Amino acid sequence: MSDVRAPTVRSGILHRPGTGEPRPRVLGAHVSVAGGVDRAPGRAGEIGAAVFQIFTKQPNRWADPNVPDDRAAAFRREAARIDAACTVSHDSYLINLASPLPELWRRSADSFRRELERAALLGMDAVVTHPGNATDGDRASGIARNAAGVSEALEAVPAGPRVLLELTSGSGTSVGGTFEELAGIIERVSEPHRARVGVCFDTCHAWVAGLDLRDDFDGVWMRADDTFGIDRIEVFHLNDAKSPFGSRLDRHENIGEGTMGIEPFRRLMNDERFRDVPKILETPKGDDGVGADRQNLAVLRGLRGRLV
């Protein structure tokens, strides 16, 4: 089996430094699709976001709607109007590609394929997916099942978006709470599709899973590079945590207001390795989602001291 750390076909969704091109704007947030998926780019533009994430369907329902061609064209047109640098969808919370139950795995695999099809129609760059739960306690088999589902979907949608495995909090039977488990999925994805698989690094999930971004910042990235390779980190979810370090409790907090504090975000925003990797907020919206996103984005921009 080939080295999972081998370079991918391209280094991330956005270009890396040294290409001679201007650095892209990389900050954004998860935005609503209320009223139609084509409304999402405008909402991203309203908060000054160059990148954004959406749900292409209701995340807590199995129903997989078709996106009409005119809506898809309107989405692409609106994304171009705001000069979006990167667009990402997040798959359904019900999908469980690590499930040991054949019927649930089949339903999950079909739903995940439909997610890639919708994202391809919308012209999106990537789909972020939770690796799922090995409810039988057999994590190794869960990893293999997940890889099989991802491989099947990528084969079915060959010209579609990239698939980014999200680092999880590692609670219960969930798969993907360690770098080793993410690497295990990637190395089992069949060729040539493996080159389309990357990682979405969620800072809250990392912190509560026991990755010490505050006191061992450099060590975390050394471990990542030693397993799947940091070039595979193609999107960040930037969230502080309400829950304590190592608690495995996934509770997001505003930037700098949680148990992580501001310093990990300052270092991340100024780390040359990640300057051009899209960074998406999933912080609490409260009663004023636009205001909350603007405030968190302002905090992040202030940490770098330049427009991003």
C-alpha atoms as a PDB file:
ATOM      1  CA  MET A   1       0.000   0.000   0.000  1.00  0.00           C
ATOM      2  CA  SER A   2       1.405   3.417  -0.982  1.00  0.00           C
ATOM      3  CA  ASP A   3       2.602   5.994   1.532  1.00  0.00           C
ATOM      4  CA  VAL A   4      -0.387   8.032   2.707  1.00  0.00           C
ATOM      5  CA  ARG A   5       1.947  10.998   3.138  1.00  0.00           C
ATOM      6  CA  ALA A   6       2.776  11.071  -0.574  1.00  0.00           C
ATOM      7  CA  PRO A   7       1.912  14.398  -2.219  1.00  0.00           C
ATOM      8  CA  THR A   8      -1.621  14.726  -3.549  1.00  0.00           C
ATOM      9  CA  VAL A   9      -2.348  15.715  -7.141  1.00  0.00           C
ATOM     10  CA  ARG A  10      -2.623  19.333  -6.034  1.00  0.00           C
ATOM     11  CA  SER A  11      -1.521  20.942  -2.791  1.00  0.00           C
ATOM     12  CA  GLY A  12      -4.823  21.940  -1.312  1.00  0.00           C
ATOM     13  CA  ILE A  13      -7.922  23.595  -2.738  1.00  0.00           C
ATOM     14  CA  LEU A  14      -6.240  26.980  -3.053  1.00  0.00           C
ATOM     15  CA  HIS A  15      -2.758  27.558  -4.430  1.00  0.00           C
ATOM     16  CA  ARG A  16       0.216  27.576  -2.077  1.00  0.00           C
ATOM     17  CA  PRO A  17       2.817  30.342  -1.618  1.00  0.00           C
ATOM     18  CA  GLY A  18       5.568  30.511  -4.201  1.00  0.00           C
ATOM     19  CA  THR A  19       3.326  30.275  -7.267  1.00  0.00           C
ATOM     20  CA  GLY A  20       3.786  33.929  -8.222  1.00  0.00           C
ATOM     21  CA  GLU A  21       0.041  34.529  -7.853  1.00  0.00           C
ATOM     22  CA  PRO A  22      -1.590  36.875  -5.325  1.00  0.00           C
ATOM     23  CA  ARG A  23      -2.517  35.185  -2.062  1.00  0.00           C
ATOM     24  CA  PRO A  24      -6.241  34.490  -1.950  1.00  0.00           C
ATOM     25  CA  ARG A  25      -8.602  35.604   0.789  1.00  0.00           C
ATOM     26  CA  VAL A  26      -9.113  32.578   3.000  1.00  0.00           C
ATOM     27  CA  LEU A  27     -11.567  33.377   5.807  1.00  0.00           C
ATOM     28  CA  GLY A  28     -15.263  32.559   5.886  1.00  0.00           C
ATOM     29  CA  ALA A  29     -18.080  30.814   7.705  1.00  0.00           C
ATOM     30  CA  HIS A  30     -20.849  28.264   7.433  1.00  0.00           C
ATOM     31  CA  VAL A  31     -23.860  30.102   5.989  1.00  0.00           C
ATOM     32  CA  SER A  32     -27.559  29.331   5.663  1.00  0.00           C
ATOM     33  CA  VAL A  33     -29.301  28.117   2.509  1.00  0.00           C
ATOM     34  CA  ALA A  34     -32.747  29.254   3.720  1.00  0.00           C
ATOM     35  CA  GLY A  35     -34.834  30.275   0.725  1.00  0.00           C
ATOM     36  CA  GLY A  36     -32.713  28.258  -1.682  1.00  0.00           C
ATOM     37  CA  VAL A  37     -29.128  27.169  -2.090  1.00  0.00           C
ATOM     38  CA  ASP A  38     -28.491  30.100  -4.434  1.00  0.00           C
ATOM     39  CA  ARG A  39     -29.016  32.508  -1.513  1.00  0.00           C
ATOM     40  CA  ALA A  40     -25.912  31.249   0.303  1.00  0.00           C
ATOM     41  CA  PRO A  41     -23.215  33.130  -1.674  1.00  0.00           C
ATOM     42  CA  GLY A  42     -24.950  36.438  -0.994  1.00  0.00           C
ATOM     43  CA  ARG A  43     -24.969  35.681   2.721  1.00  0.00           C
ATOM     44  CA  ALA A  44     -21.248  34.958   2.568  1.00  0.00           C
ATOM     45  CA  GLY A  45     -20.725  38.259   0.803  1.00  0.00           C
ATOM     46  CA  GLU A  46     -22.728  40.023   3.514  1.00  0.00           C
ATOM     47  CA  ILE A  47     -20.162  39.010   6.152  1.00  0.00           C
ATOM     48  CA  GLY A  48     -17.200  39.707   3.901  1.00  0.00           C
ATOM     49  CA  ALA A  49     -16.353  36.032   3.441  1.00  0.00           C
ATOM     50  CA  ALA A  50     -14.345  34.786   0.494  1.00  0.00           C
ATOM     51  CA  VAL A  51     -14.900  31.149   1.432  1.00  0.00           C
ATOM     52  CA  PHE A  52     -18.023  29.523   2.808  1.00  0.00           C
ATOM     53  CA  GLN A  53     -19.596  26.207   3.753  1.00  0.00           C
ATOM     54  CA  ILE A  54     -23.206  25.099   3.348  1.00  0.00           C
ATOM     55  CA  PHE A  55     -25.529  22.160   3.776  1.00  0.00           C
ATOM     56  CA  THR A  56     -26.975  21.209   0.390  1.00  0.00           C
ATOM     57  CA  LYS A  57     -29.858  19.464   2.195  1.00  0.00           C
ATOM     58  CA  GLN A  58     -31.406  19.323   5.651  1.00  0.00           C
ATOM     59  CA  PRO A  59     -28.623  17.666   7.660  1.00  0.00           C
ATOM     60  CA  ASN A  60     -30.901  15.712   9.998  1.00  0.00           C
ATOM     61  CA  ARG A  61     -33.106  14.162   7.315  1.00  0.00           C
ATOM     62  CA  TRP A  62     -32.428  11.375   4.829  1.00  0.00           C
ATOM     63  CA  ALA A  63     -34.344  12.980   1.971  1.00  0.00           C
ATOM     64  CA  ASP A  64     -31.912  13.806  -0.855  1.00  0.00           C
ATOM     65  CA  PRO A  65     -33.444  16.619  -2.907  1.00  0.00           C
ATOM     66  CA  ASN A  66     -32.502  17.319  -6.479  1.00  0.00           C
ATOM     67  CA  VAL A  67     -31.072  20.768  -7.157  1.00  0.00           C
ATOM     68  CA  PRO A  68     -32.836  22.195 -10.230  1.00  0.00           C
ATOM     69  CA  ASP A  69     -30.507  23.274 -13.023  1.00  0.00           C
ATOM     70  CA  ASP A  70     -31.625  26.905 -12.763  1.00  0.00           C
ATOM     71  CA  ARG A  71     -30.896  26.965  -9.008  1.00  0.00           C
ATOM     72  CA  ALA A  72     -27.480  25.410  -9.570  1.00  0.00           C
ATOM     73  CA  ALA A  73     -26.708  27.972 -12.280  1.00  0.00           C
ATOM     74  CA  ALA A  74     -27.853  30.775  -9.956  1.00  0.00           C
ATOM     75  CA  PHE A  75     -25.583  29.449  -7.197  1.00  0.00           C
ATOM     76  CA  ARG A  76     -22.584  29.371  -9.511  1.00  0.00           C
ATOM     77  CA  ARG A  77     -23.409  32.848 -10.804  1.00  0.00           C
ATOM     78  CA  GLU A  78     -23.736  34.279  -7.284  1.00  0.00           C
ATOM     79  CA  ALA A  79     -20.521  32.601  -6.121  1.00  0.00           C
ATOM     80  CA  ALA A  80     -18.736  34.234  -9.055  1.00  0.00           C
ATOM     81  CA  ARG A  81     -20.352  37.591  -8.273  1.00  0.00           C
ATOM     82  CA  ILE A  82     -18.891  37.665  -4.754  1.00  0.00           C
ATOM     83  CA  ASP A  83     -15.596  36.318  -6.114  1.00  0.00           C
ATOM     84  CA  ALA A  84     -15.708  33.266  -3.856  1.00  0.00           C
ATOM     85  CA  ALA A  85     -12.291  31.636  -3.513  1.00  0.00           C
ATOM     86  CA  CYS A  86     -13.535  28.315  -2.129  1.00  0.00           C
ATOM     87  CA  THR A  87     -16.965  26.725  -1.619  1.00  0.00           C
ATOM     88  CA  VAL A  88     -17.511  23.683   0.588  1.00  0.00           C
ATOM     89  CA  SER A  89     -20.504  21.534   1.480  1.00  0.00           C
ATOM     90  CA  HIS A  90     -20.870  19.514   4.674  1.00  0.00           C
ATOM     91  CA  ASP A  91     -22.551  16.141   4.395  1.00  0.00           C
ATOM     92  CA  SER A  92     -25.554  14.950   6.400  1.00  0.00           C
ATOM     93  CA  TYR A  93     -25.209  14.125  10.085  1.00  0.00           C
ATOM     94  CA  LEU A  94     -27.106  10.885   9.454  1.00  0.00           C
ATOM     95  CA  ILE A  95     -24.528   9.436   7.074  1.00  0.00           C
ATOM     96  CA  ASN A  96     -22.458   6.713   8.737  1.00  0.00           C
ATOM     97  CA  LEU A  97     -19.951   5.154   6.383  1.00  0.00           C
ATOM     98  CA  ALA A  98     -18.348   3.315   9.313  1.00  0.00           C
ATOM     99  CA  SER A  99     -21.566   1.502  10.238  1.00  0.00           C
ATOM    100  CA  PRO A 100     -21.417  -2.306  10.647  1.00  0.00           C
ATOM    101  CA  LEU A 101     -25.112  -2.539   9.704  1.00  0.00           C
ATOM    102  CA  PRO A 102     -25.373  -3.388   5.976  1.00  0.00           C
ATOM    103  CA  GLU A 103     -28.657  -1.544   5.415  1.00  0.00           C
ATOM    104  CA  LEU A 104     -27.456   1.636   7.157  1.00  0.00           C
ATOM    105  CA  TRP A 105     -24.092   1.503   5.391  1.00  0.00           C
ATOM    106  CA  ARG A 106     -25.816   1.132   2.005  1.00  0.00           C
ATOM    107  CA  ARG A 107     -28.174   4.022   2.722  1.00  0.00           C
ATOM    108  CA  SER A 108     -25.240   6.138   3.925  1.00  0.00           C
ATOM    109  CA  ALA A 109     -23.134   5.327   0.871  1.00  0.00           C
ATOM    110  CA  ASP A 110     -25.992   6.218  -1.480  1.00  0.00           C
ATOM    111  CA  SER A 111     -26.651   9.474   0.383  1.00  0.00           C
ATOM    112  CA  PHE A 112     -22.969  10.389   0.344  1.00  0.00           C
ATOM    113  CA  ARG A 113     -22.812   9.788  -3.402  1.00  0.00           C
ATOM    114  CA  ARG A 114     -25.836  12.065  -3.842  1.00  0.00           C
ATOM    115  CA  GLU A 115     -24.039  14.730  -1.769  1.00  0.00           C
ATOM    116  CA  LEU A 116     -21.066  14.605  -4.125  1.00  0.00           C
ATOM    117  CA  GLU A 117     -23.413  14.791  -7.112  1.00  0.00           C
ATOM    118  CA  ARG A 118     -25.137  17.924  -5.752  1.00  0.00           C
ATOM    119  CA  ALA A 119     -21.805  19.529  -4.882  1.00  0.00           C
ATOM    120  CA  ALA A 120     -20.509  18.778  -8.387  1.00  0.00           C
ATOM    121  CA  LEU A 121     -23.608  20.330  -9.965  1.00  0.00           C
ATOM    122  CA  LEU A 122     -23.075  23.453  -7.841  1.00  0.00           C
ATOM    123  CA  GLY A 123     -19.416  23.616  -8.856  1.00  0.00           C
ATOM    124  CA  MET A 124     -18.217  23.284  -5.268  1.00  0.00           C
ATOM    125  CA  ASP A 125     -14.600  22.616  -4.397  1.00  0.00           C
ATOM    126  CA  ALA A 126     -15.008  20.048  -1.621  1.00  0.00           C
ATOM    127  CA  VAL A 127     -17.341  18.028   0.564  1.00  0.00           C
ATOM    128  CA  VAL A 128     -16.490  17.743   4.263  1.00  0.00           C
ATOM    129  CA  THR A 129     -17.547  14.464   5.849  1.00  0.00           C
ATOM    130  CA  HIS A 130     -17.540  13.025   9.360  1.00  0.00           C
ATOM    131  CA  PRO A 131     -15.947   9.547   9.247  1.00  0.00           C
ATOM    132  CA  GLY A 132     -18.857   7.995  11.175  1.00  0.00           C
ATOM    133  CA  ASN A 133     -19.297   5.569  14.065  1.00  0.00           C
ATOM    134  CA  ALA A 134     -18.120   1.976  14.377  1.00  0.00           C
ATOM    135  CA  THR A 135     -21.018   1.050  16.630  1.00  0.00           C
ATOM    136  CA  ASP A 136     -19.831  -2.547  16.971  1.00  0.00           C
ATOM    137  CA  GLY A 137     -16.611  -1.335  18.611  1.00  0.00           C
ATOM    138  CA  ASP A 138     -14.456  -2.656  15.763  1.00  0.00           C
ATOM    139  CA  ARG A 139     -12.675   0.554  14.782  1.00  0.00           C
ATOM    140  CA  ALA A 140     -10.394  -1.089  12.226  1.00  0.00           C
ATOM    141  CA  SER A 141     -13.381  -2.462  10.325  1.00  0.00           C
ATOM    142  CA  GLY A 142     -15.128   0.896  10.632  1.00  0.00           C
ATOM    143  CA  ILE A 143     -12.127   2.592   9.020  1.00  0.00           C
ATOM    144  CA  ALA A 144     -12.182   0.050   6.171  1.00  0.00           C
ATOM    145  CA  ARG A 145     -15.938   0.502   5.671  1.00  0.00           C
ATOM    146  CA  ASN A 146     -15.561   4.271   5.538  1.00  0.00           C
ATOM    147  CA  ALA A 147     -12.813   4.033   2.934  1.00  0.00           C
ATOM    148  CA  ALA A 148     -14.981   1.710   0.849  1.00  0.00           C
ATOM    149  CA  GLY A 149     -17.860   4.200   0.903  1.00  0.00           C
ATOM    150  CA  VAL A 150     -15.630   7.132  -0.006  1.00  0.00           C
ATOM    151  CA  SER A 151     -14.026   5.128  -2.822  1.00  0.00           C
ATOM    152  CA  GLU A 152     -17.406   4.147  -4.230  1.00  0.00           C
ATOM    153  CA  ALA A 153     -18.651   7.746  -4.242  1.00  0.00           C
ATOM    154  CA  LEU A 154     -15.491   9.123  -5.840  1.00  0.00           C
ATOM    155  CA  GLU A 155     -15.668   6.500  -8.573  1.00  0.00           C
ATOM    156  CA  ALA A 156     -19.319   7.363  -9.224  1.00  0.00           C
ATOM    157  CA  VAL A 157     -18.617  11.123  -9.397  1.00  0.00           C
ATOM    158  CA  PRO A 158     -15.228  11.234 -11.137  1.00  0.00           C
ATOM    159  CA  ALA A 159     -15.312  14.924 -12.049  1.00  0.00           C
ATOM    160  CA  GLY A 160     -16.702  16.072  -8.737  1.00  0.00           C
ATOM    161  CA  PRO A 161     -15.383  17.844  -5.649  1.00  0.00           C
ATOM    162  CA  ARG A 162     -12.657  16.738  -3.309  1.00  0.00           C
ATOM    163  CA  VAL A 163     -13.562  14.765  -0.161  1.00  0.00           C
ATOM    164  CA  LEU A 164     -12.207  16.083   3.128  1.00  0.00           C
ATOM    165  CA  LEU A 165     -12.310  13.808   6.181  1.00  0.00           C
ATOM    166  CA  GLU A 166     -13.071  15.876   9.258  1.00  0.00           C
ATOM    167  CA  LEU A 167     -11.053  15.308  12.414  1.00  0.00           C
ATOM    168  CA  THR A 168     -13.630  14.400  15.078  1.00  0.00           C
ATOM    169  CA  SER A 169     -13.712  14.816  18.848  1.00  0.00           C
ATOM    170  CA  GLY A 170     -13.217  11.054  19.228  1.00  0.00           C
ATOM    171  CA  SER A 171     -16.210  10.552  21.503  1.00  0.00           C
ATOM    172  CA  GLY A 172     -17.795   7.129  21.952  1.00  0.00           C
ATOM    173  CA  THR A 173     -17.510   4.912  18.890  1.00  0.00           C
ATOM    174  CA  SER A 174     -16.768   7.760  16.467  1.00  0.00           C
ATOM    175  CA  VAL A 175     -13.983   7.185  13.973  1.00  0.00           C
ATOM    176  CA  GLY A 176     -11.526   9.899  12.956  1.00  0.00           C
ATOM    177  CA  GLY A 177     -10.566  11.339  16.328  1.00  0.00           C
ATOM    178  CA  THR A 178      -6.863  10.647  15.786  1.00  0.00           C
ATOM    179  CA  PHE A 179      -4.443  11.376  12.970  1.00  0.00           C
ATOM    180  CA  GLU A 180      -3.739   7.670  12.704  1.00  0.00           C
ATOM    181  CA  GLU A 181      -7.391   6.864  12.030  1.00  0.00           C
ATOM    182  CA  LEU A 182      -7.639   9.559   9.355  1.00  0.00           C
ATOM    183  CA  ALA A 183      -4.473   8.194   7.742  1.00  0.00           C
ATOM    184  CA  GLY A 184      -5.947   4.682   7.930  1.00  0.00           C
ATOM    185  CA  ILE A 185      -8.999   5.778   5.930  1.00  0.00           C
ATOM    186  CA  ILE A 186      -6.946   7.671   3.348  1.00  0.00           C
ATOM    187  CA  GLU A 187      -4.548   4.807   2.696  1.00  0.00           C
ATOM    188  CA  ARG A 188      -7.482   2.447   2.115  1.00  0.00           C
ATOM    189  CA  VAL A 189      -9.206   4.642  -0.462  1.00  0.00           C
ATOM    190  CA  SER A 190      -8.679   3.000  -3.811  1.00  0.00           C
ATOM    191  CA  GLU A 191      -6.434   4.463  -6.480  1.00  0.00           C
ATOM    192  CA  PRO A 192      -6.623   6.689  -8.417  1.00  0.00           C
ATOM    193  CA  HIS A 193      -9.249   8.279  -6.166  1.00  0.00           C
ATOM    194  CA  ARG A 194      -6.972   8.657  -3.126  1.00  0.00           C
ATOM    195  CA  ALA A 195      -5.517  11.837  -4.636  1.00  0.00           C
ATOM    196  CA  ARG A 196      -8.939  13.510  -4.194  1.00  0.00           C
ATOM    197  CA  VAL A 197      -9.039  12.885  -0.435  1.00  0.00           C
ATOM    198  CA  GLY A 198      -7.806  15.374   2.139  1.00  0.00           C
ATOM    199  CA  VAL A 199      -8.413  16.461   5.728  1.00  0.00           C
ATOM    200  CA  CYS A 200     -10.594  19.107   7.368  1.00  0.00           C
ATOM    201  CA  PHE A 201      -8.962  20.101  10.654  1.00  0.00           C
ATOM    202  CA  ASP A 202     -11.450  21.299  13.279  1.00  0.00           C
ATOM    203  CA  THR A 203      -9.670  23.154  16.095  1.00  0.00           C
ATOM    204  CA  CYS A 204     -12.349  22.477  18.713  1.00  0.00           C
ATOM    205  CA  HIS A 205     -12.427  18.774  17.859  1.00  0.00           C
ATOM    206  CA  ALA A 206      -8.630  18.600  18.010  1.00  0.00           C
ATOM    207  CA  TRP A 207      -8.506  20.294  21.422  1.00  0.00           C
ATOM    208  CA  VAL A 208     -11.139  18.132  23.086  1.00  0.00           C
ATOM    209  CA  ALA A 209      -9.635  15.011  21.458  1.00  0.00           C
ATOM    210  CA  GLY A 210      -6.362  15.728  23.269  1.00  0.00           C
ATOM    211  CA  LEU A 211      -4.294  17.544  20.650  1.00  0.00           C
ATOM    212  CA  ASP A 212      -2.700  20.407  22.574  1.00  0.00           C
ATOM    213  CA  LEU A 213      -2.767  23.365  20.207  1.00  0.00           C
ATOM    214  CA  ARG A 214      -1.983  25.730  23.080  1.00  0.00           C
ATOM    215  CA  ASP A 215       1.094  24.212  24.745  1.00  0.00           C
ATOM    216  CA  ASP A 216       2.344  21.858  22.015  1.00  0.00           C
ATOM    217  CA  PHE A 217       1.407  23.708  18.827  1.00  0.00           C
ATOM    218  CA  ASP A 218       4.435  22.594  16.815  1.00  0.00           C
ATOM    219  CA  GLY A 219       4.194  19.057  18.126  1.00  0.00           C
ATOM    220  CA  VAL A 220       0.637  18.701  16.811  1.00  0.00           C
ATOM    221  CA  TRP A 221       1.755  19.522  13.274  1.00  0.00           C
ATOM    222  CA  MET A 222       4.780  17.251  13.516  1.00  0.00           C
ATOM    223  CA  ARG A 223       2.437  14.378  14.369  1.00  0.00           C
ATOM    224  CA  ALA A 224       0.123  15.308  11.502  1.00  0.00           C
ATOM    225  CA  ASP A 225       3.018  15.370   9.075  1.00  0.00           C
ATOM    226  CA  ASP A 226       4.262  12.014  10.322  1.00  0.00           C
ATOM    227  CA  THR A 227       0.890  10.345   9.694  1.00  0.00           C
ATOM    228  CA  PHE A 228      -1.156  11.695   6.773  1.00  0.00           C
ATOM    229  CA  GLY A 229       1.037  14.715   5.889  1.00  0.00           C
ATOM    230  CA  ILE A 230       0.095  18.347   6.599  1.00  0.00           C
ATOM    231  CA  ASP A 231      -0.295  19.092   2.879  1.00  0.00           C
ATOM    232  CA  ARG A 232      -3.501  17.070   3.080  1.00  0.00           C
ATOM    233  CA  ILE A 233      -5.054  19.670   5.427  1.00  0.00           C
ATOM    234  CA  GLU A 234      -7.149  21.563   2.886  1.00  0.00           C
ATOM    235  CA  VAL A 235      -9.729  23.290   5.102  1.00  0.00           C
ATOM    236  CA  PHE A 236      -9.792  24.400   8.725  1.00  0.00           C
ATOM    237  CA  HIS A 237     -12.895  24.706  10.862  1.00  0.00           C
ATOM    238  CA  LEU A 238     -11.924  27.427  13.325  1.00  0.00           C
ATOM    239  CA  ASN A 239     -13.776  27.085  16.622  1.00  0.00           C
ATOM    240  CA  ASP A 240     -12.848  27.632  20.229  1.00  0.00           C
ATOM    241  CA  ALA A 241     -14.192  25.069  22.721  1.00  0.00           C
ATOM    242  CA  LYS A 242     -16.632  25.297  25.610  1.00  0.00           C
ATOM    243  CA  SER A 243     -15.418  21.933  26.929  1.00  0.00           C
ATOM    244  CA  PRO A 244     -12.111  21.166  28.679  1.00  0.00           C
ATOM    245  CA  PHE A 245      -9.007  19.894  26.919  1.00  0.00           C
ATOM    246  CA  GLY A 246      -9.197  16.134  26.290  1.00  0.00           C
ATOM    247  CA  SER A 247     -12.853  15.914  27.350  1.00  0.00           C
ATOM    248  CA  ARG A 248     -14.037  14.616  23.936  1.00  0.00           C
ATOM    249  CA  LEU A 249     -17.129  16.842  24.321  1.00  0.00           C
ATOM    250  CA  ASP A 250     -17.834  18.701  21.084  1.00  0.00           C
ATOM    251  CA  ARG A 251     -19.088  22.154  22.118  1.00  0.00           C
ATOM    252  CA  HIS A 252     -18.046  25.098  19.945  1.00  0.00           C
ATOM    253  CA  GLU A 253     -17.302  28.576  21.326  1.00  0.00           C
ATOM    254  CA  ASN A 254     -16.442  31.994  19.879  1.00  0.00           C
ATOM    255  CA  ILE A 255     -12.809  32.604  18.958  1.00  0.00           C
ATOM    256  CA  GLY A 256     -10.724  33.349  22.054  1.00  0.00           C
ATOM    257  CA  GLU A 257     -13.639  32.944  24.467  1.00  0.00           C
ATOM    258  CA  GLY A 258     -13.278  29.235  25.252  1.00  0.00           C
ATOM    259  CA  THR A 259     -10.893  26.844  26.927  1.00  0.00           C
ATOM    260  CA  MET A 260      -8.342  27.109  24.097  1.00  0.00           C
ATOM    261  CA  GLY A 261      -7.934  30.873  24.359  1.00  0.00           C
ATOM    262  CA  ILE A 262      -6.685  33.214  21.659  1.00  0.00           C
ATOM    263  CA  GLU A 263      -3.041  32.132  21.288  1.00  0.00           C
ATOM    264  CA  PRO A 264      -3.546  28.978  19.182  1.00  0.00           C
ATOM    265  CA  PHE A 265      -5.545  31.027  16.693  1.00  0.00           C
ATOM    266  CA  ARG A 266      -2.879  33.732  16.589  1.00  0.00           C
ATOM    267  CA  ARG A 267      -0.237  31.144  15.780  1.00  0.00           C
ATOM    268  CA  LEU A 268      -2.427  29.402  13.217  1.00  0.00           C
ATOM    269  CA  MET A 269      -3.243  32.645  11.420  1.00  0.00           C
ATOM    270  CA  ASN A 270       0.461  33.471  11.143  1.00  0.00           C
ATOM    271  CA  ASP A 271       1.837  30.027  10.310  1.00  0.00           C
ATOM    272  CA  GLU A 272       3.242  30.213   6.788  1.00  0.00           C
ATOM    273  CA  ARG A 273       2.350  26.575   6.146  1.00  0.00           C
ATOM    274  CA  PHE A 274      -1.350  27.359   6.494  1.00  0.00           C
ATOM    275  CA  ARG A 275      -1.604  30.943   5.252  1.00  0.00           C
ATOM    276  CA  ASP A 276      -3.518  29.969   2.132  1.00  0.00           C
ATOM    277  CA  VAL A 277      -5.616  27.128   3.539  1.00  0.00           C
ATOM    278  CA  PRO A 278      -9.337  28.092   3.725  1.00  0.00           C
ATOM    279  CA  LYS A 279     -10.535  28.733   7.279  1.00  0.00           C
ATOM    280  CA  ILE A 280     -14.243  28.433   8.022  1.00  0.00           C
ATOM    281  CA  LEU A 281     -16.065  29.451  11.205  1.00  0.00           C
ATOM    282  CA  GLU A 282     -18.583  27.115  12.826  1.00  0.00           C
ATOM    283  CA  THR A 283     -18.874  29.313  15.923  1.00  0.00           C
ATOM    284  CA  PRO A 284     -22.180  30.009  17.717  1.00  0.00           C
ATOM    285  CA  LYS A 285     -24.575  32.247  15.769  1.00  0.00           C
ATOM    286  CA  GLY A 286     -26.736  33.431  18.678  1.00  0.00           C
ATOM    287  CA  ASP A 287     -29.653  35.738  17.874  1.00  0.00           C
ATOM    288  CA  ASP A 288     -27.631  37.701  15.303  1.00  0.00           C
ATOM    289  CA  GLY A 289     -25.764  35.276  13.093  1.00  0.00           C
ATOM    290  CA  VAL A 290     -24.440  37.946  10.738  1.00  0.00           C
ATOM    291  CA  GLY A 291     -23.118  40.038  13.617  1.00  0.00           C
ATOM    292  CA  ALA A 292     -21.586  37.004  15.340  1.00  0.00           C
ATOM    293  CA  ASP A 293     -19.776  35.885  12.189  1.00  0.00           C
ATOM    294  CA  ARG A 294     -18.522  39.402  11.478  1.00  0.00           C
ATOM    295  CA  GLN A 295     -17.174  39.689  15.014  1.00  0.00           C
ATOM    296  CA  ASN A 296     -15.356  36.343  14.919  1.00  0.00           C
ATOM    297  CA  LEU A 297     -13.928  37.107  11.472  1.00  0.00           C
ATOM    298  CA  ALA A 298     -12.738  40.509  12.735  1.00  0.00           C
ATOM    299  CA  VAL A 299     -10.944  38.816  15.621  1.00  0.00           C
ATOM    300  CA  LEU A 300      -9.159  36.440  13.236  1.00  0.00           C
ATOM    301  CA  ARG A 301      -8.246  39.204  10.810  1.00  0.00           C
ATOM    302  CA  GLY A 302      -6.852  41.235  13.680  1.00  0.00           C
ATOM    303  CA  LEU A 303      -4.583  38.361  14.667  1.00  0.00           C
ATOM    304  CA  ARG A 304      -2.866  38.483  11.301  1.00  0.00           C
ATOM    305  CA  GLY A 305      -3.055  42.225  10.869  1.00  0.00           C
ATOM    306  CA  ARG A 306      -3.858  42.060   7.154  1.00  0.00           C
ATOM    307  CA  LEU A 307      -6.904  41.578   4.974  1.00  0.00           C
ATOM    308  CA  VAL A 308      -7.741  37.890   4.498  1.00  0.00           C
END
